[in-house]
Amino acid sequence: MTKQCMAAITALLIGVAGPAMAEDYRLGYITDLSGPLAGSYTPVWEGFDLYMKSRNAAGGINGNQVETFLDDDGLRADRSVAAAKKQIERDNVIGIFGLSLSSTHGPTFAETRQAGIPVVTSFSGIIDALPPAKPYSYSTGVMFEVAGEAIATLSKQIAPSGKVVGVTFDSVGGRAALRHNQLMAQKLGYQWGEVIFPVRTADFTPFAQAIVNEKPDIVVGHYGAEQNLGVIAALRATGYTGPYVIASYGASEATVQQAAEQSGDAENLYMVSRYAPATHEGAGIAALRQAAEAAGVTPTSMHVTGWALGMVAEEALKKCGASCDKAGLDKALQQVNIDTQGLTGGPIEMSADDHYGPTYWKLYKWDGEKLVGTGDWHKQTTVEFLGQ
């Protein structure tokens, strides 16, 4: 047989076989599963994982299964960077999701940007995703600057005037949230005070006393579930019974319930959240509850946060196509616009210049059994005090 004939037969066989089947999607996920904020970050991962497993069970996305590579950073930047490097070089992921404390983000982004890998953070976020957005940085979570301003605005529904005392631990995100909470609160006519404590604080008694010494009309906690539990119990022990607002940085309705039980006081507990509690109604939350029940998981708003992150990943992968690569996924993320089906007050949408988009926030009050929404969703389209 001549070489020309063999070439013709080979070309014919290739044409009959059609294009090669695309490989399954390979995604990375990095978060804190063992450090001091594991109780906050683990449920977000569980929500994301539940969503991806539900998609795989339904036939996948674009006919592909999704394989997720999970790594624990223990809330340490060096471990987060090492995990990103491993996922990029050994696991061959096309995108990374999750991440933990804001202080781990900068070093991790330095690693992923060199490789051209898009990263979508949740629930912590830093301003890299805000316009003008930096390359490969996206977030569906709680941007601290945005949350700080939204919380101050919604505080008007609790007390129209007086003194707000913001509390946080010493982290990049915590200080950013506190600063923007302060600027918006002062613009709205509130007086301001603040207390900051170390990340690994175990005894909150002296800091609770420092808060009470500020004579607050509202106290706002900018940190995760574990810190809220400690601060609320210590505050109630000092005799402070006024309004306490939990910012949903890893806190959930389970946090509020536990805080009420531990402190023996269910009154004046509030939460401001970008995502609805898992007890609320809506097609999106119903789907999460069904998947969680099948897995033996009790869902919270942190699972809702992870489920929404999964919806964003699915939408981007659909737009990217069956043979999606890291560059295609990055481009697709800039075109995301999804109806969250009740997970939040409006769509999650991103653009080439804005990798976060407009967000919706709501104030909830604990009624002794569940979180009850107070007022309408507040839409936040910009960060008024960015750069200040």
Protein backbone atom coordinates (compact mmCIF):
# COMPACT_ATOMS: atom_id res chain seq x y z
CA MET A 1 0.00 0.00 0.00
CA THR A 2 1.38 3.39 -0.97
CA LYS A 3 1.99 6.15 1.54
CA GLN A 4 -0.66 8.22 -0.24
CA CYS A 5 -3.28 5.47 0.30
CA MET A 6 -2.38 5.06 3.95
CA ALA A 7 -2.68 8.79 4.49
CA ALA A 8 -6.08 8.83 2.82
CA ILE A 9 -7.34 5.92 4.96
CA THR A 10 -6.04 7.58 8.14
CA ALA A 11 -7.77 10.83 7.27
CA LEU A 12 -10.99 8.94 6.56
CA LEU A 13 -10.84 7.10 9.89
CA ILE A 14 -10.27 10.37 11.75
CA GLY A 15 -13.27 11.87 10.00
CA VAL A 16 -15.45 8.88 10.92
CA ALA A 17 -14.33 8.94 14.54
CA GLY A 18 -14.98 12.67 14.83
CA PRO A 19 -13.24 14.99 17.30
CA ALA A 20 -11.65 13.57 20.42
CA MET A 21 -13.84 13.48 23.52
CA ALA A 22 -13.13 16.30 25.93
CA GLU A 23 -11.70 15.39 29.33
CA ASP A 24 -13.63 15.93 32.52
CA TYR A 25 -13.42 19.39 34.06
CA ARG A 26 -10.73 19.62 36.73
CA LEU A 27 -11.30 22.32 39.35
CA GLY A 28 -9.31 23.18 42.47
CA TYR A 29 -10.73 24.18 45.84
CA ILE A 30 -8.64 25.59 48.69
CA THR A 31 -10.00 26.52 52.12
CA ASP A 32 -9.53 26.22 55.87
CA LEU A 33 -10.65 22.79 57.05
CA SER A 34 -8.48 22.52 60.17
CA GLY A 35 -7.58 26.04 61.35
CA PRO A 36 -9.36 28.45 63.70
CA LEU A 37 -12.05 29.33 61.12
CA ALA A 38 -12.73 25.80 59.87
CA GLY A 39 -16.24 25.99 61.33
CA SER A 40 -16.98 28.89 58.98
CA TYR A 41 -15.25 27.73 55.80
CA THR A 42 -16.12 24.02 55.85
CA PRO A 43 -19.88 24.50 55.26
CA VAL A 44 -19.15 26.67 52.21
CA TRP A 45 -17.05 23.86 50.76
CA GLU A 46 -19.81 21.37 51.57
CA GLY A 47 -22.35 23.51 49.69
CA PHE A 48 -20.07 23.75 46.65
CA ASP A 49 -19.36 20.01 46.76
CA LEU A 50 -23.06 19.17 47.07
CA TYR A 51 -23.79 21.27 44.01
CA MET A 52 -21.08 19.67 41.88
CA LYS A 53 -22.13 16.18 42.93
CA SER A 54 -25.72 17.00 41.99
CA ARG A 55 -24.55 18.13 38.54
CA ASN A 56 -22.44 15.00 38.06
CA ALA A 57 -25.37 12.80 39.07
CA ALA A 58 -27.55 14.59 36.50
CA GLY A 59 -25.10 13.84 33.68
CA GLY A 60 -22.47 16.49 34.23
CA ILE A 61 -21.96 19.84 32.53
CA ASN A 62 -21.69 19.88 28.74
CA GLY A 63 -21.52 16.10 29.00
CA ASN A 64 -18.43 16.28 31.22
CA GLN A 65 -18.10 15.25 34.84
CA VAL A 66 -16.54 17.72 37.29
CA GLU A 67 -13.59 16.52 39.35
CA THR A 68 -12.71 18.78 42.29
CA PHE A 69 -9.31 18.70 44.00
CA LEU A 70 -9.62 19.84 47.63
CA ASP A 71 -6.75 21.18 49.76
CA ASP A 72 -6.73 22.48 53.34
CA ASP A 73 -4.66 25.62 54.00
CA GLY A 74 -5.23 25.67 57.78
CA LEU A 75 -5.66 29.45 57.48
CA ARG A 76 -2.00 29.84 56.49
CA ALA A 77 -0.85 31.76 53.43
CA ASP A 78 2.16 29.50 52.78
CA ARG A 79 -0.05 26.42 52.73
CA SER A 80 -2.54 28.14 50.43
CA VAL A 81 0.25 29.03 47.99
CA ALA A 82 1.64 25.47 48.12
CA ALA A 83 -1.84 24.06 47.48
CA ALA A 84 -2.36 26.37 44.50
CA LYS A 85 1.01 25.38 43.06
CA LYS A 86 0.18 21.69 43.50
CA GLN A 87 -3.25 22.04 41.91
CA ILE A 88 -1.84 23.96 38.94
CA GLU A 89 1.20 21.79 38.26
CA ARG A 90 0.10 18.32 39.36
CA ASP A 91 -3.68 18.30 39.28
CA ASN A 92 -3.88 20.36 36.06
CA VAL A 93 -6.88 22.38 37.19
CA ILE A 94 -8.39 25.06 34.96
CA GLY A 95 -9.66 27.18 37.84
CA ILE A 96 -9.51 27.44 41.63
CA PHE A 97 -12.42 28.18 43.96
CA GLY A 98 -12.88 28.97 47.64
CA LEU A 99 -9.79 30.24 49.48
CA SER A 100 -9.87 31.14 53.17
CA LEU A 101 -8.92 34.23 55.20
CA SER A 102 -8.27 37.43 53.25
CA SER A 103 -4.62 37.48 54.36
CA THR A 104 -4.01 34.29 52.31
CA HIS A 105 -5.38 35.75 49.11
CA GLY A 106 -2.60 38.10 47.97
CA PRO A 107 0.21 35.50 48.02
CA THR A 108 -2.09 32.92 46.41
CA PHE A 109 -3.10 35.30 43.62
CA ALA A 110 0.58 35.99 42.93
CA GLU A 111 1.02 32.26 42.25
CA THR A 112 -2.16 31.76 40.21
CA ARG A 113 -1.73 34.86 38.07
CA GLN A 114 1.66 33.67 36.89
CA ALA A 115 -0.05 30.52 35.64
CA GLY A 116 -3.06 32.36 34.17
CA ILE A 117 -5.50 30.47 36.42
CA PRO A 118 -8.78 32.21 37.37
CA VAL A 119 -9.68 32.16 41.06
CA VAL A 120 -13.22 32.66 42.39
CA THR A 121 -13.26 33.34 46.12
CA SER A 122 -16.04 32.69 48.60
CA PHE A 123 -16.99 33.74 51.21
CA SER A 124 -14.00 36.02 51.90
CA GLY A 125 -13.05 38.47 49.19
CA ILE A 126 -10.58 41.30 48.61
CA ILE A 127 -10.93 44.36 46.39
CA ASP A 128 -9.02 42.79 43.47
CA ALA A 129 -12.40 41.73 42.03
CA LEU A 130 -13.90 45.23 42.21
CA PRO A 131 -13.65 47.55 39.20
CA PRO A 132 -11.20 48.02 37.69
CA ALA A 133 -10.84 44.28 38.32
CA LYS A 134 -7.42 42.68 38.41
CA PRO A 135 -6.76 39.70 36.11
CA TYR A 136 -7.97 36.24 37.16
CA SER A 137 -9.57 37.49 40.42
CA TYR A 138 -13.31 36.89 40.98
CA SER A 139 -15.59 36.64 44.00
CA THR A 140 -19.14 35.56 44.79
CA GLY A 141 -18.63 36.07 48.50
CA VAL A 142 -18.59 38.89 50.99
CA MET A 143 -16.37 41.73 49.83
CA PHE A 144 -15.46 43.34 53.12
CA GLU A 145 -15.59 46.93 51.90
CA VAL A 146 -19.01 46.38 50.32
CA ALA A 147 -20.35 44.56 53.37
CA GLY A 148 -19.15 47.26 55.76
CA GLU A 149 -21.07 49.95 53.90
CA ALA A 150 -24.19 47.79 53.45
CA ILE A 151 -24.26 46.95 57.17
CA ALA A 152 -24.10 50.62 58.12
CA THR A 153 -26.99 51.39 55.77
CA LEU A 154 -29.13 48.55 57.13
CA SER A 155 -28.36 49.55 60.73
CA LYS A 156 -30.88 52.37 60.27
CA GLN A 157 -33.57 49.69 60.55
CA ILE A 158 -32.34 48.88 64.08
CA ALA A 159 -31.63 52.33 65.51
CA PRO A 160 -31.82 55.54 63.49
CA SER A 161 -29.11 57.27 65.54
CA GLY A 162 -26.64 56.75 68.35
CA LYS A 163 -23.24 55.07 68.56
CA VAL A 164 -22.11 52.07 66.52
CA VAL A 165 -19.16 50.06 67.82
CA GLY A 166 -17.49 47.88 65.22
CA VAL A 167 -15.47 44.88 66.35
CA THR A 168 -13.06 42.70 64.37
CA PHE A 169 -9.93 40.62 64.61
CA ASP A 170 -6.66 41.88 63.21
CA SER A 171 -6.82 40.83 59.55
CA VAL A 172 -6.77 42.64 56.19
CA GLY A 173 -10.43 41.91 55.54
CA GLY A 174 -11.56 42.66 59.07
CA ARG A 175 -9.91 46.07 59.09
CA ALA A 176 -11.32 46.86 55.63
CA ALA A 177 -14.85 45.97 56.75
CA LEU A 178 -14.44 48.03 59.90
CA ARG A 179 -13.16 51.07 57.99
CA HIS A 180 -16.03 51.08 55.50
CA ASN A 181 -18.58 50.40 58.24
CA GLN A 182 -17.18 53.45 60.03
CA LEU A 183 -17.19 55.77 57.01
CA MET A 184 -20.76 54.95 56.02
CA ALA A 185 -22.00 55.02 59.64
CA GLN A 186 -20.51 58.46 60.19
CA LYS A 187 -22.00 59.70 56.92
CA LEU A 188 -25.41 58.51 58.15
CA GLY A 189 -25.00 60.45 61.40
CA TYR A 190 -23.85 57.76 63.82
CA GLN A 191 -21.05 58.15 66.31
CA TRP A 192 -18.35 55.52 66.00
CA GLY A 193 -16.14 53.35 68.20
CA GLU A 194 -14.14 50.19 67.52
CA VAL A 195 -12.35 47.29 69.18
CA ILE A 196 -9.80 45.00 67.49
CA PHE A 197 -8.40 41.76 68.91
CA PRO A 198 -5.87 39.13 67.69
CA VAL A 199 -7.06 36.42 65.29
CA ARG A 200 -6.37 33.54 67.68
CA THR A 201 -8.04 35.09 70.72
CA ALA A 202 -9.70 32.55 73.05
CA ASP A 203 -10.77 34.72 76.00
CA PHE A 204 -13.05 37.54 74.85
CA THR A 205 -13.84 38.94 78.30
CA PRO A 206 -11.43 41.92 78.22
CA PHE A 207 -12.54 42.87 74.71
CA ALA A 208 -16.21 42.66 75.69
CA GLN A 209 -15.50 45.06 78.53
CA ALA A 210 -13.73 47.39 76.10
CA ILE A 211 -16.82 47.32 73.88
CA VAL A 212 -19.15 48.11 76.79
CA ASN A 213 -16.87 50.99 77.83
CA GLU A 214 -17.63 52.59 74.44
CA LYS A 215 -21.33 52.81 75.47
CA PRO A 216 -22.71 51.40 72.19
CA ASP A 217 -26.26 51.60 70.85
CA ILE A 218 -25.38 48.93 68.24
CA VAL A 219 -22.46 46.47 68.18
CA VAL A 220 -21.36 44.96 64.86
CA GLY A 221 -19.10 41.89 64.71
CA HIS A 222 -16.91 41.54 61.61
CA TYR A 223 -15.51 37.99 61.88
CA GLY A 224 -16.42 34.31 61.65
CA ALA A 225 -18.80 32.08 63.57
CA GLU A 226 -16.40 31.12 66.35
CA GLN A 227 -15.54 34.71 67.25
CA ASN A 228 -19.21 35.75 67.25
CA LEU A 229 -20.02 33.01 69.73
CA GLY A 230 -17.24 34.13 72.05
CA VAL A 231 -17.93 37.85 71.82
CA ILE A 232 -21.71 37.58 72.22
CA ALA A 233 -21.43 35.37 75.31
CA ALA A 234 -18.83 37.69 76.84
CA LEU A 235 -20.91 40.79 76.04
CA ARG A 236 -24.07 39.37 77.57
CA ALA A 237 -22.05 38.38 80.66
CA THR A 238 -21.03 42.03 81.08
CA GLY A 239 -24.67 43.07 81.05
CA TYR A 240 -24.87 44.48 77.52
CA THR A 241 -28.32 43.50 76.17
CA GLY A 242 -28.51 45.90 73.23
CA PRO A 243 -28.52 45.10 69.51
CA TYR A 244 -25.70 42.93 68.21
CA VAL A 245 -25.28 42.54 64.44
CA ILE A 246 -23.50 39.49 63.03
CA ALA A 247 -21.90 40.15 59.65
CA SER A 248 -22.13 36.94 57.65
CA TYR A 249 -18.42 36.27 57.22
CA GLY A 250 -18.82 32.56 57.84
CA ALA A 251 -21.58 33.04 60.39
CA SER A 252 -25.04 31.62 59.76
CA GLU A 253 -28.42 31.04 61.35
CA ALA A 254 -26.79 28.18 63.26
CA THR A 255 -24.36 30.71 64.74
CA VAL A 256 -27.21 32.94 65.90
CA GLN A 257 -29.08 30.04 67.47
CA GLN A 258 -25.99 28.77 69.27
CA ALA A 259 -25.14 32.28 70.48
CA ALA A 260 -28.64 32.70 71.88
CA GLU A 261 -28.44 29.37 73.67
CA GLN A 262 -24.95 29.89 75.08
CA SER A 263 -25.61 33.42 76.30
CA GLY A 264 -29.11 32.68 77.56
CA ASP A 265 -30.41 35.72 75.69
CA ALA A 266 -32.20 35.44 72.34
CA GLU A 267 -33.13 39.12 72.18
CA ASN A 268 -31.56 41.77 69.96
CA LEU A 269 -29.56 39.38 67.77
CA TYR A 270 -29.33 40.34 64.09
CA MET A 271 -27.48 39.18 61.01
CA VAL A 272 -26.70 40.96 57.73
CA SER A 273 -26.22 38.53 54.87
CA ARG A 274 -25.70 38.50 51.13
CA TYR A 275 -27.31 35.05 50.99
CA ALA A 276 -30.62 33.88 52.39
CA PRO A 277 -30.85 31.47 55.32
CA ALA A 278 -31.40 27.83 54.39
CA THR A 279 -34.76 27.93 56.17
CA HIS A 280 -36.22 30.32 53.61
CA GLU A 281 -38.22 29.37 50.55
CA GLY A 282 -37.25 29.41 46.88
CA ALA A 283 -36.32 26.95 44.16
CA GLY A 284 -32.59 27.32 44.74
CA ILE A 285 -32.79 26.70 48.49
CA ALA A 286 -35.23 23.81 47.98
CA ALA A 287 -32.71 22.13 45.65
CA LEU A 288 -29.94 22.62 48.22
CA ARG A 289 -32.10 21.20 51.02
CA GLN A 290 -32.90 18.13 48.93
CA ALA A 291 -29.21 17.48 48.17
CA ALA A 292 -28.20 18.15 51.78
CA GLU A 293 -30.86 15.78 53.15
CA ALA A 294 -29.67 13.01 50.85
CA ALA A 295 -26.10 13.58 52.10
CA GLY A 296 -27.09 13.75 55.77
CA VAL A 297 -26.10 17.44 56.04
CA THR A 298 -28.03 20.15 57.87
CA PRO A 299 -27.81 23.18 55.55
CA THR A 300 -27.16 26.76 56.66
CA SER A 301 -26.63 30.06 54.86
CA MET A 302 -22.96 29.08 54.53
CA HIS A 303 -24.05 26.06 52.49
CA VAL A 304 -26.21 28.45 50.47
CA THR A 305 -23.07 30.51 49.81
CA GLY A 306 -21.20 27.45 48.55
CA TRP A 307 -24.17 26.28 46.48
CA ALA A 308 -24.28 29.69 44.76
CA LEU A 309 -20.56 29.42 44.04
CA GLY A 310 -21.29 26.08 42.38
CA MET A 311 -23.98 27.71 40.25
CA VAL A 312 -21.45 30.28 39.06
CA ALA A 313 -18.91 27.56 38.25
CA GLU A 314 -21.53 25.64 36.25
CA GLU A 315 -22.61 28.73 34.31
CA ALA A 316 -19.01 29.59 33.42
CA LEU A 317 -18.23 26.01 32.36
CA LYS A 318 -21.35 25.92 30.17
CA LYS A 319 -20.28 29.11 28.43
CA CYS A 320 -16.72 27.85 28.10
CA GLY A 321 -17.71 24.63 26.34
CA ALA A 322 -16.87 20.94 26.54
CA SER A 323 -13.16 21.50 25.87
CA CYS A 324 -12.77 24.33 28.37
CA ASP A 325 -9.28 25.43 29.37
CA LYS A 326 -8.06 28.02 31.88
CA ALA A 327 -8.16 30.89 29.37
CA GLY A 328 -11.65 29.95 28.24
CA LEU A 329 -12.89 29.68 31.81
CA ASP A 330 -11.43 33.10 32.64
CA LYS A 331 -13.25 34.66 29.71
CA ALA A 332 -16.50 32.85 30.53
CA LEU A 333 -16.46 34.09 34.13
CA GLN A 334 -16.59 37.64 32.77
CA GLN A 335 -19.94 36.82 31.15
CA VAL A 336 -21.68 35.23 34.13
CA ASN A 337 -25.23 36.42 34.78
CA ILE A 338 -27.37 33.96 36.70
CA ASP A 339 -30.70 33.92 38.46
CA THR A 340 -29.89 32.45 41.86
CA GLN A 341 -33.49 31.25 42.33
CA GLY A 342 -33.91 32.93 45.68
CA LEU A 343 -30.43 32.37 47.12
CA THR A 344 -29.95 36.13 47.19
CA GLY A 345 -31.91 39.26 46.37
CA GLY A 346 -30.85 39.51 42.73
CA PRO A 347 -28.66 37.96 40.04
CA ILE A 348 -24.94 37.26 40.28
CA GLU A 349 -23.38 39.01 37.32
CA MET A 350 -19.83 39.83 36.29
CA SER A 351 -18.17 41.70 33.44
CA ALA A 352 -14.70 42.25 32.01
CA ASP A 353 -14.17 45.25 34.30
CA ASP A 354 -16.18 44.10 37.32
CA HIS A 355 -15.48 40.60 38.66
CA TYR A 356 -17.93 41.00 41.55
CA GLY A 357 -20.95 42.89 40.27
CA PRO A 358 -23.86 44.48 42.11
CA THR A 359 -24.81 42.67 45.30
CA TYR A 360 -27.88 42.42 47.51
CA TRP A 361 -27.92 42.48 51.32
CA LYS A 362 -30.62 41.90 53.90
CA LEU A 363 -31.04 42.42 57.63
CA TYR A 364 -32.42 39.46 59.58
CA LYS A 365 -33.56 39.30 63.21
CA TRP A 366 -33.61 36.18 65.38
CA ASP A 367 -37.14 35.53 66.64
CA GLY A 368 -36.15 32.75 69.03
CA GLU A 369 -36.51 30.00 66.43
CA LYS A 370 -35.33 31.33 63.09
CA LEU A 371 -34.01 34.38 61.24
CA VAL A 372 -36.79 36.65 60.00
CA GLY A 373 -36.12 39.18 57.25
CA THR A 374 -36.44 42.85 58.17
CA GLY A 375 -37.26 45.19 55.31
CA ASP A 376 -36.32 44.73 51.66
CA TRP A 377 -33.08 43.62 50.06
CA HIS A 378 -30.56 46.47 49.84
CA LYS A 379 -28.79 46.67 46.47
CA GLN A 380 -25.17 47.80 46.64
CA THR A 381 -23.76 48.75 43.23
CA THR A 382 -20.62 50.65 44.22
CA VAL A 383 -18.20 51.11 47.08
CA GLU A 384 -18.66 54.74 48.03
CA PHE A 385 -15.51 55.12 50.08
CA LEU A 386 -13.05 53.03 48.05
CA GLY A 387 -9.55 54.41 48.47
CA GLN A 388 -10.34 56.22 51.72
